[in-house]
């Protein structure tokens, strides 16, 4: 533990931020997982669309707060949409 008062405060603040960031990443991953299971499963199209919308929203929020990089957010959304479009094509065929 540091001796300087301001550094002690910085350590406390960084620990709080770390916990917040971990929670936000976990929530984002949960939304992505729900969307992927909706895409892969035999769920109705409306539920799948809603799950994808919520996942994209969670990814955007996480990137906006600086928890993940904007390019990582774009990559995650792109992969999710690619998976959804592929499943939709197979369902149509």
PDB file of N, CA and C in Angstrom:
ATOM      1  N   UNK A   1       0.842  -1.187   0.000  1.00  0.00           N
ATOM      2  CA  UNK A   1       0.000   0.000   0.000  1.00  0.00           C
ATOM      3  C   UNK A   1       0.883   1.245   0.000  1.00  0.00           C
ATOM      4  N   UNK A   2       0.559   2.218  -0.803  1.00  0.00           N
ATOM      5  CA  UNK A   2       1.374   3.441  -0.882  1.00  0.00           C
ATOM      6  C   UNK A   2       1.240   4.303   0.371  1.00  0.00           C
ATOM      7  N   UNK A   3       2.216   5.179   0.551  1.00  0.00           N
ATOM      8  CA  UNK A   3       2.230   6.060   1.719  1.00  0.00           C
ATOM      9  C   UNK A   3       1.620   7.427   1.428  1.00  0.00           C
ATOM     10  N   UNK A   4       1.672   7.862   0.199  1.00  0.00           N
ATOM     11  CA  UNK A   4       1.176   9.186  -0.171  1.00  0.00           C
ATOM     12  C   UNK A   4      -0.351   9.151  -0.273  1.00  0.00           C
ATOM     13  N   UNK A   5      -0.983  10.158   0.332  1.00  0.00           N
ATOM     14  CA  UNK A   5      -2.435  10.192   0.436  1.00  0.00           C
ATOM     15  C   UNK A   5      -3.123  10.164  -0.933  1.00  0.00           C
ATOM     16  N   UNK A   6      -2.642  10.962  -1.869  1.00  0.00           N
ATOM     17  CA  UNK A   6      -3.283  11.021  -3.190  1.00  0.00           C
ATOM     18  C   UNK A   6      -3.133   9.696  -3.939  1.00  0.00           C
ATOM     19  N   UNK A   7      -2.019   9.025  -3.738  1.00  0.00           N
ATOM     20  CA  UNK A   7      -1.804   7.737  -4.406  1.00  0.00           C
ATOM     21  C   UNK A   7      -2.714   6.673  -3.789  1.00  0.00           C
ATOM     22  N   UNK A   8      -2.938   6.767  -2.478  1.00  0.00           N
ATOM     23  CA  UNK A   8      -3.877   5.850  -1.824  1.00  0.00           C
ATOM     24  C   UNK A   8      -5.267   6.016  -2.432  1.00  0.00           C
ATOM     25  N   UNK A   9      -5.665   7.272  -2.634  1.00  0.00           N
ATOM     26  CA  UNK A   9      -6.967   7.560  -3.234  1.00  0.00           C
ATOM     27  C   UNK A   9      -7.028   7.011  -4.663  1.00  0.00           C
ATOM     28  N   UNK A  10      -5.927   7.157  -5.409  1.00  0.00           N
ATOM     29  CA  UNK A  10      -5.878   6.642  -6.778  1.00  0.00           C
ATOM     30  C   UNK A  10      -6.052   5.130  -6.812  1.00  0.00           C
ATOM     31  N   UNK A  11      -5.427   4.442  -5.849  1.00  0.00           N
ATOM     32  CA  UNK A  11      -5.532   2.977  -5.777  1.00  0.00           C
ATOM     33  C   UNK A  11      -6.977   2.569  -5.506  1.00  0.00           C
ATOM     34  N   UNK A  12      -7.619   3.258  -4.570  1.00  0.00           N
ATOM     35  CA  UNK A  12      -9.017   2.960  -4.249  1.00  0.00           C
ATOM     36  C   UNK A  12      -9.907   3.201  -5.472  1.00  0.00           C
ATOM     37  N   UNK A  13      -9.673   4.335  -6.141  1.00  0.00           N
ATOM     38  CA  UNK A  13     -10.471   4.690  -7.318  1.00  0.00           C
ATOM     39  C   UNK A  13     -10.277   3.671  -8.443  1.00  0.00           C
ATOM     40  N   UNK A  14      -9.043   3.259  -8.670  1.00  0.00           N
ATOM     41  CA  UNK A  14      -8.782   2.310  -9.750  1.00  0.00           C
ATOM     42  C   UNK A  14      -9.412   0.951  -9.451  1.00  0.00           C
ATOM     43  N   UNK A  15      -9.455   0.559  -8.176  1.00  0.00           N
ATOM     44  CA  UNK A  15     -10.104  -0.703  -7.815  1.00  0.00           C
ATOM     45  C   UNK A  15     -11.609  -0.632  -8.066  1.00  0.00           C
ATOM     46  N   UNK A  16     -12.218   0.505  -7.718  1.00  0.00           N
ATOM     47  CA  UNK A  16     -13.659   0.687  -7.970  1.00  0.00           C
ATOM     48  C   UNK A  16     -13.943   0.650  -9.467  1.00  0.00           C
ATOM     49  N   UNK A  17     -13.114   1.356 -10.238  1.00  0.00           N
ATOM     50  CA  UNK A  17     -13.291   1.384 -11.694  1.00  0.00           C
ATOM     51  C   UNK A  17     -13.129  -0.008 -12.289  1.00  0.00           C
ATOM     52  N   UNK A  18     -12.166  -0.755 -11.766  1.00  0.00           N
ATOM     53  CA  UNK A  18     -11.918  -2.112 -12.252  1.00  0.00           C
ATOM     54  C   UNK A  18     -13.156  -2.981 -12.037  1.00  0.00           C
ATOM     55  N   UNK A  19     -13.746  -2.885 -10.844  1.00  0.00           N
ATOM     56  CA  UNK A  19     -14.947  -3.674 -10.556  1.00  0.00           C
ATOM     57  C   UNK A  19     -16.103  -3.275 -11.473  1.00  0.00           C
ATOM     58  N   UNK A  20     -16.247  -1.979 -11.715  1.00  0.00           N
ATOM     59  CA  UNK A  20     -17.306  -1.498 -12.599  1.00  0.00           C
ATOM     60  C   UNK A  20     -17.083  -2.007 -14.025  1.00  0.00           C
ATOM     61  N   UNK A  21     -15.821  -1.945 -14.473  1.00  0.00           N
ATOM     62  CA  UNK A  21     -15.493  -2.391 -15.830  1.00  0.00           C
ATOM     63  C   UNK A  21     -15.732  -3.889 -15.995  1.00  0.00           C
ATOM     64  N   UNK A  22     -15.345  -4.666 -14.995  1.00  0.00           N
ATOM     65  CA  UNK A  22     -15.535  -6.115 -15.061  1.00  0.00           C
ATOM     66  C   UNK A  22     -17.024  -6.440 -15.127  1.00  0.00           C
ATOM     67  N   UNK A  23     -17.825  -5.732 -14.325  1.00  0.00           N
ATOM     68  CA  UNK A  23     -19.275  -5.964 -14.332  1.00  0.00           C
ATOM     69  C   UNK A  23     -19.884  -5.602 -15.681  1.00  0.00           C
ATOM     70  N   UNK A  24     -19.443  -4.490 -16.263  1.00  0.00           N
ATOM     71  CA  UNK A  24     -19.977  -4.059 -17.560  1.00  0.00           C
ATOM     72  C   UNK A  24     -19.600  -5.044 -18.664  1.00  0.00           C
ATOM     73  N   UNK A  25     -18.357  -5.525 -18.643  1.00  0.00           N
ATOM     74  CA  UNK A  25     -17.926  -6.505 -19.652  1.00  0.00           C
ATOM     75  C   UNK A  25     -18.720  -7.794 -19.513  1.00  0.00           C
ATOM     76  N   UNK A  26     -18.941  -8.213 -18.272  1.00  0.00           N
ATOM     77  CA  UNK A  26     -19.684  -9.438 -18.023  1.00  0.00           C
ATOM     78  C   UNK A  26     -21.116  -9.314 -18.529  1.00  0.00           C
ATOM     79  N   UNK A  27     -21.744  -8.181 -18.272  1.00  0.00           N
ATOM     80  CA  UNK A  27     -23.116  -7.957 -18.741  1.00  0.00           C
ATOM     81  C   UNK A  27     -23.162  -7.967 -20.265  1.00  0.00           C
ATOM     82  N   UNK A  28     -22.180  -7.336 -20.893  1.00  0.00           N
ATOM     83  CA  UNK A  28     -22.115  -7.301 -22.352  1.00  0.00           C
ATOM     84  C   UNK A  28     -21.992  -8.719 -22.913  1.00  0.00           C
ATOM     85  N   UNK A  29     -21.114  -9.507 -22.323  1.00  0.00           N
ATOM     86  CA  UNK A  29     -20.911 -10.877 -22.787  1.00  0.00           C
ATOM     87  C   UNK A  29     -22.170 -11.716 -22.606  1.00  0.00           C
ATOM     88  N   UNK A  30     -22.916 -11.456 -21.526  1.00  0.00           N
ATOM     89  CA  UNK A  30     -24.160 -12.179 -21.287  1.00  0.00           C
ATOM     90  C   UNK A  30     -25.180 -11.873 -22.378  1.00  0.00           C
ATOM     91  N   UNK A  31     -25.302 -10.584 -22.748  1.00  0.00           N
ATOM     92  CA  UNK A  31     -26.229 -10.211 -23.822  1.00  0.00           C
ATOM     93  C   UNK A  31     -25.818 -10.851 -25.141  1.00  0.00           C
ATOM     94  N   UNK A  32     -24.516 -10.900 -25.415  1.00  0.00           N
ATOM     95  CA  UNK A  32     -24.029 -11.515 -26.646  1.00  0.00           C
ATOM     96  C   UNK A  32     -24.357 -13.007 -26.652  1.00  0.00           C
ATOM     97  N   UNK A  33     -24.158 -13.649 -25.502  1.00  0.00           N
ATOM     98  CA  UNK A  33     -24.432 -15.078 -25.398  1.00  0.00           C
ATOM     99  C   UNK A  33     -25.921 -15.365 -25.617  1.00  0.00           C
ATOM    100  N   UNK A  34     -26.778 -14.520 -25.045  1.00  0.00           N
ATOM    101  CA  UNK A  34     -28.219 -14.693 -25.233  1.00  0.00           C
ATOM    102  C   UNK A  34     -28.595 -14.528 -26.705  1.00  0.00           C
ATOM    103  N   UNK A  35     -27.979 -13.559 -27.364  1.00  0.00           N
ATOM    104  CA  UNK A  35     -28.261 -13.337 -28.786  1.00  0.00           C
ATOM    105  C   UNK A  35     -27.795 -14.525 -29.614  1.00  0.00           C
ATOM    106  N   UNK A  36     -26.617 -15.044 -29.313  1.00  0.00           N
ATOM    107  CA  UNK A  36     -26.098 -16.187 -30.071  1.00  0.00           C
ATOM    108  C   UNK A  36     -26.971 -17.424 -29.887  1.00  0.00           C
ATOM    109  N   UNK A  37     -27.450 -17.656 -28.670  1.00  0.00           N
ATOM    110  CA  UNK A  37     -28.316 -18.817 -28.451  1.00  0.00           C
ATOM    111  C   UNK A  37     -29.658 -18.623 -29.154  1.00  0.00           C
ATOM    112  N   UNK A  38     -30.138 -17.368 -29.204  1.00  0.00           N
ATOM    113  CA  UNK A  38     -31.386 -17.094 -29.923  1.00  0.00           C
ATOM    114  C   UNK A  38     -31.205 -17.324 -31.419  1.00  0.00           C
ATOM    115  N   UNK A  39     -30.045 -16.953 -31.942  1.00  0.00           N
ATOM    116  CA  UNK A  39     -29.765 -17.135 -33.369  1.00  0.00           C
ATOM    117  C   UNK A  39     -29.663 -18.627 -33.700  1.00  0.00           C
ATOM    118  N   UNK A  40     -28.922 -19.350 -32.876  1.00  0.00           N
ATOM    119  CA  UNK A  40     -28.683 -20.769 -33.146  1.00  0.00           C
ATOM    120  C   UNK A  40     -29.893 -21.646 -32.828  1.00  0.00           C
ATOM    121  N   UNK A  41     -30.680 -21.223 -31.844  1.00  0.00           N
ATOM    122  CA  UNK A  41     -31.841 -22.009 -31.446  1.00  0.00           C
ATOM    123  C   UNK A  41     -33.016 -21.787 -32.374  1.00  0.00           C
ATOM    124  N   UNK A  42     -34.103 -22.480 -32.073  1.00  0.00           N
ATOM    125  CA  UNK A  42     -35.312 -22.368 -32.891  1.00  0.00           C
ATOM    126  C   UNK A  42     -36.276 -21.375 -32.254  1.00  0.00           C
ATOM    127  N   UNK A  43     -35.791 -20.163 -31.981  1.00  0.00           N
ATOM    128  CA  UNK A  43     -36.646 -19.134 -31.376  1.00  0.00           C
ATOM    129  C   UNK A  43     -37.312 -18.312 -32.475  1.00  0.00           C
ATOM    130  N   UNK A  44     -38.430 -17.683 -32.162  1.00  0.00           N
ATOM    131  CA  UNK A  44     -39.115 -16.842 -33.163  1.00  0.00           C
ATOM    132  C   UNK A  44     -38.233 -15.674 -33.622  1.00  0.00           C
ATOM    133  N   UNK A  45     -38.498 -15.194 -34.812  1.00  0.00           N
ATOM    134  CA  UNK A  45     -37.694 -14.126 -35.405  1.00  0.00           C
ATOM    135  C   UNK A  45     -37.735 -12.846 -34.577  1.00  0.00           C
ATOM    136  N   UNK A  46     -38.889 -12.556 -33.986  1.00  0.00           N
ATOM    137  CA  UNK A  46     -39.026 -11.330 -33.180  1.00  0.00           C
ATOM    138  C   UNK A  46     -38.119 -11.374 -31.957  1.00  0.00           C
ATOM    139  N   UNK A  47     -38.073 -12.527 -31.293  1.00  0.00           N
ATOM    140  CA  UNK A  47     -37.221 -12.673 -30.106  1.00  0.00           C
ATOM    141  C   UNK A  47     -35.749 -12.592 -30.488  1.00  0.00           C
ATOM    142  N   UNK A  48     -35.399 -13.191 -31.595  1.00  0.00           N
ATOM    143  CA  UNK A  48     -34.008 -13.152 -32.060  1.00  0.00           C
ATOM    144  C   UNK A  48     -33.591 -11.725 -32.384  1.00  0.00           C
ATOM    145  N   UNK A  49     -34.442 -10.999 -33.073  1.00  0.00           N
ATOM    146  CA  UNK A  49     -34.154  -9.609 -33.425  1.00  0.00           C
ATOM    147  C   UNK A  49     -33.978  -8.752 -32.184  1.00  0.00           C
ATOM    148  N   UNK A  50     -34.837  -8.972 -31.197  1.00  0.00           N
ATOM    149  CA  UNK A  50     -34.753  -8.206 -29.940  1.00  0.00           C
ATOM    150  C   UNK A  50     -33.467  -8.536 -29.189  1.00  0.00           C
ATOM    151  N   UNK A  51     -33.077  -9.811 -29.171  1.00  0.00           N
ATOM    152  CA  UNK A  51     -31.850 -10.222 -28.487  1.00  0.00           C
ATOM    153  C   UNK A  51     -30.630  -9.590 -29.159  1.00  0.00           C
ATOM    154  N   UNK A  52     -30.632  -9.550 -30.485  1.00  0.00           N
ATOM    155  CA  UNK A  52     -29.525  -8.934 -31.228  1.00  0.00           C
ATOM    156  C   UNK A  52     -29.475  -7.436 -30.955  1.00  0.00           C
ATOM    157  N   UNK A  53     -30.652  -6.802 -30.929  1.00  0.00           N
ATOM    158  CA  UNK A  53     -30.716  -5.354 -30.660  1.00  0.00           C
ATOM    159  C   UNK A  53     -30.146  -5.031 -29.276  1.00  0.00           C
ATOM    160  N   UNK A  54     -30.528  -5.822 -28.267  1.00  0.00           N
ATOM    161  CA  UNK A  54     -30.033  -5.596 -26.907  1.00  0.00           C
ATOM    162  C   UNK A  54     -28.527  -5.841 -26.800  1.00  0.00           C
ATOM    163  N   UNK A  55     -28.042  -6.845 -27.522  1.00  0.00           N
ATOM    164  CA  UNK A  55     -26.613  -7.136 -27.509  1.00  0.00           C
ATOM    165  C   UNK A  55     -25.819  -5.989 -28.128  1.00  0.00           C
ATOM    166  N   UNK A  56     -26.292  -5.482 -29.269  1.00  0.00           N
ATOM    167  CA  UNK A  56     -25.623  -4.355 -29.933  1.00  0.00           C
ATOM    168  C   UNK A  56     -25.637  -3.118 -29.047  1.00  0.00           C
ATOM    169  N   UNK A  57     -26.742  -2.912 -28.367  1.00  0.00           N
ATOM    170  CA  UNK A  57     -26.862  -1.771 -27.454  1.00  0.00           C
ATOM    171  C   UNK A  57     -25.849  -1.893 -26.316  1.00  0.00           C
ATOM    172  N   UNK A  58     -25.719  -3.086 -25.751  1.00  0.00           N
ATOM    173  CA  UNK A  58     -24.768  -3.315 -24.658  1.00  0.00           C
ATOM    174  C   UNK A  58     -23.330  -3.123 -25.137  1.00  0.00           C
ATOM    175  N   UNK A  59     -23.036  -3.594 -26.341  1.00  0.00           N
ATOM    176  CA  UNK A  59     -21.688  -3.440 -26.904  1.00  0.00           C
ATOM    177  C   UNK A  59     -21.377  -1.958 -27.100  1.00  0.00           C
ATOM    178  N   UNK A  60     -22.334  -1.221 -27.661  1.00  0.00           N
ATOM    179  CA  UNK A  60     -22.129   0.219 -27.893  1.00  0.00           C
ATOM    180  C   UNK A  60     -21.918   0.980 -26.591  1.00  0.00           C
ATOM    181  N   UNK A  61     -22.706   0.658 -25.582  1.00  0.00           N
ATOM    182  CA  UNK A  61     -22.568   1.336 -24.286  1.00  0.00           C
ATOM    183  C   UNK A  61     -21.191   1.072 -23.675  1.00  0.00           C
ATOM    184  N   UNK A  62     -20.742  -0.164 -23.770  1.00  0.00           N
ATOM    185  CA  UNK A  62     -19.455  -0.530 -23.202  1.00  0.00           C
ATOM    186  C   UNK A  62     -18.324   0.208 -23.909  1.00  0.00           C
ATOM    187  N   UNK A  63     -18.431   0.332 -25.219  1.00  0.00           N
ATOM    188  CA  UNK A  63     -17.410   1.052 -25.990  1.00  0.00           C
ATOM    189  C   UNK A  63     -17.463   2.548 -25.710  1.00  0.00           C
ATOM    190  N   UNK A  64     -18.664   3.069 -25.574  1.00  0.00           N
ATOM    191  CA  UNK A  64     -18.844   4.505 -25.326  1.00  0.00           C
ATOM    192  C   UNK A  64     -18.207   4.918 -24.003  1.00  0.00           C
ATOM    193  N   UNK A  65     -18.281   4.031 -23.028  1.00  0.00           N
ATOM    194  CA  UNK A  65     -17.705   4.309 -21.710  1.00  0.00           C
ATOM    195  C   UNK A  65     -16.193   4.078 -21.674  1.00  0.00           C
ATOM    196  N   UNK A  66     -15.638   3.560 -22.754  1.00  0.00           N
ATOM    197  CA  UNK A  66     -14.198   3.344 -22.819  1.00  0.00           C
ATOM    198  C   UNK A  66     -13.742   2.054 -22.174  1.00  0.00           C
ATOM    199  N   UNK A  67     -14.667   1.146 -21.930  1.00  0.00           N
ATOM    200  CA  UNK A  67     -14.326  -0.124 -21.298  1.00  0.00           C
ATOM    201  C   UNK A  67     -13.712  -1.071 -22.323  1.00  0.00           C
ATOM    202  N   UNK A  68     -14.255  -1.040 -23.539  1.00  0.00           N
ATOM    203  CA  UNK A  68     -13.621  -1.748 -24.654  1.00  0.00           C
ATOM    204  C   UNK A  68     -13.356  -0.732 -25.761  1.00  0.00           C
ATOM    205  N   UNK A  69     -12.440  -1.064 -26.650  1.00  0.00           N
ATOM    206  CA  UNK A  69     -12.077  -0.167 -27.756  1.00  0.00           C
ATOM    207  C   UNK A  69     -13.193  -0.166 -28.798  1.00  0.00           C
ATOM    208  N   UNK A  70     -13.333   0.953 -29.499  1.00  0.00           N
ATOM    209  CA  UNK A  70     -14.409   1.069 -30.497  1.00  0.00           C
ATOM    210  C   UNK A  70     -14.251   0.044 -31.609  1.00  0.00           C
ATOM    211  N   UNK A  71     -13.016  -0.309 -31.969  1.00  0.00           N
ATOM    212  CA  UNK A  71     -12.804  -1.319 -33.009  1.00  0.00           C
ATOM    213  C   UNK A  71     -13.229  -2.703 -32.527  1.00  0.00           C
ATOM    214  N   UNK A  72     -12.995  -2.973 -31.247  1.00  0.00           N
ATOM    215  CA  UNK A  72     -13.423  -4.250 -30.691  1.00  0.00           C
ATOM    216  C   UNK A  72     -14.951  -4.329 -30.689  1.00  0.00           C
ATOM    217  N   UNK A  73     -15.589  -3.218 -30.371  1.00  0.00           N
ATOM    218  CA  UNK A  73     -17.056  -3.177 -30.392  1.00  0.00           C
ATOM    219  C   UNK A  73     -17.570  -3.435 -31.801  1.00  0.00           C
ATOM    220  N   UNK A  74     -16.948  -2.792 -32.780  1.00  0.00           N
ATOM    221  CA  UNK A  74     -17.356  -2.977 -34.176  1.00  0.00           C
ATOM    222  C   UNK A  74     -17.165  -4.429 -34.603  1.00  0.00           C
ATOM    223  N   UNK A  75     -16.062  -5.024 -34.189  1.00  0.00           N
ATOM    224  CA  UNK A  75     -15.783  -6.420 -34.546  1.00  0.00           C
ATOM    225  C   UNK A  75     -16.809  -7.362 -33.931  1.00  0.00           C
ATOM    226  N   UNK A  76     -17.136  -7.141 -32.665  1.00  0.00           N
ATOM    227  CA  UNK A  76     -18.112  -7.996 -31.990  1.00  0.00           C
ATOM    228  C   UNK A  76     -19.483  -7.896 -32.653  1.00  0.00           C
ATOM    229  N   UNK A  77     -19.912  -6.681 -32.965  1.00  0.00           N
ATOM    230  CA  UNK A  77     -21.203  -6.475 -33.622  1.00  0.00           C
ATOM    231  C   UNK A  77     -21.209  -7.088 -35.013  1.00  0.00           C
ATOM    232  N   UNK A  78     -20.111  -6.940 -35.728  1.00  0.00           N
ATOM    233  CA  UNK A  78     -20.001  -7.474 -37.075  1.00  0.00           C
ATOM    234  C   UNK A  78     -20.121  -8.994 -37.064  1.00  0.00           C
ATOM    235  N   UNK A  79     -19.437  -9.630 -36.154  1.00  0.00           N
ATOM    236  CA  UNK A  79     -19.483 -11.092 -36.064  1.00  0.00           C
ATOM    237  C   UNK A  79     -20.875 -11.573 -35.685  1.00  0.00           C
ATOM    238  N   UNK A  80     -21.528 -10.833 -34.787  1.00  0.00           N
ATOM    239  CA  UNK A  80     -22.878 -11.198 -34.367  1.00  0.00           C
ATOM    240  C   UNK A  80     -23.853 -11.083 -35.540  1.00  0.00           C
ATOM    241  N   UNK A  81     -23.755  -9.995 -36.289  1.00  0.00           N
ATOM    242  CA  UNK A  81     -24.649  -9.790 -37.428  1.00  0.00           C
ATOM    243  C   UNK A  81     -24.362 -10.790 -38.547  1.00  0.00           C
ATOM    244  N   UNK A  82     -23.095 -11.105 -38.732  1.00  0.00           N
ATOM    245  CA  UNK A  82     -22.712 -12.090 -39.746  1.00  0.00           C
ATOM    246  C   UNK A  82     -23.339 -13.447 -39.416  1.00  0.00           C
ATOM    247  N   UNK A  83     -23.296 -13.805 -38.143  1.00  0.00           N
ATOM    248  CA  UNK A  83     -23.877 -15.064 -37.691  1.00  0.00           C
ATOM    249  C   UNK A  83     -25.400 -15.053 -37.889  1.00  0.00           C
ATOM    250  N   UNK A  84     -26.032 -13.915 -37.568  1.00  0.00           N
ATOM    251  CA  UNK A  84     -27.485 -13.787 -37.699  1.00  0.00           C
ATOM    252  C   UNK A  84     -27.906 -13.882 -39.158  1.00  0.00           C
ATOM    253  N   UNK A  85     -27.185 -13.195 -40.038  1.00  0.00           N
ATOM    254  CA  UNK A  85     -27.515 -13.225 -41.461  1.00  0.00           C
ATOM    255  C   UNK A  85     -27.332 -14.612 -42.056  1.00  0.00           C
ATOM    256  N   UNK A  86     -26.299 -15.316 -41.620  1.00  0.00           N
ATOM    257  CA  UNK A  86     -26.055 -16.671 -42.096  1.00  0.00           C
ATOM    258  C   UNK A  86     -27.183 -17.594 -41.668  1.00  0.00           C
ATOM    259  N   UNK A  87     -27.625 -17.457 -40.412  1.00  0.00           N
ATOM    260  CA  UNK A  87     -28.732 -18.289 -39.905  1.00  0.00           C
ATOM    261  C   UNK A  87     -30.033 -17.955 -40.629  1.00  0.00           C
ATOM    262  N   UNK A  88     -30.239 -16.683 -40.940  1.00  0.00           N
ATOM    263  CA  UNK A  88     -31.452 -16.277 -41.650  1.00  0.00           C
ATOM    264  C   UNK A  88     -31.474 -16.835 -43.070  1.00  0.00           C
ATOM    265  N   UNK A  89     -30.311 -16.841 -43.712  1.00  0.00           N
ATOM    266  CA  UNK A  89     -30.199 -17.401 -45.068  1.00  0.00           C
ATOM    267  C   UNK A  89     -30.500 -18.888 -45.062  1.00  0.00           C
ATOM    268  N   UNK A  90     -29.956 -19.587 -44.068  1.00  0.00           N
ATOM    269  CA  UNK A  90     -30.181 -21.038 -43.989  1.00  0.00           C
ATOM    270  C   UNK A  90     -31.645 -21.338 -43.702  1.00  0.00           C
ATOM    271  N   UNK A  91     -32.280 -20.508 -42.907  1.00  0.00           N
ATOM    272  CA  UNK A  91     -33.700 -20.710 -42.587  1.00  0.00           C
ATOM    273  C   UNK A  91     -34.571 -20.474 -43.820  1.00  0.00           C
ATOM    274  N   UNK A  92     -34.164 -19.507 -44.627  1.00  0.00           N
ATOM    275  CA  UNK A  92     -34.916 -19.199 -45.846  1.00  0.00           C
ATOM    276  C   UNK A  92     -34.763 -20.284 -46.900  1.00  0.00           C
ATOM    277  N   UNK A  93     -33.623 -20.943 -46.894  1.00  0.00           N
ATOM    278  CA  UNK A  93     -33.365 -21.975 -47.913  1.00  0.00           C
ATOM    279  C   UNK A  93     -34.063 -23.279 -47.657  1.00  0.00           C
TER     280      UNK A  93
END
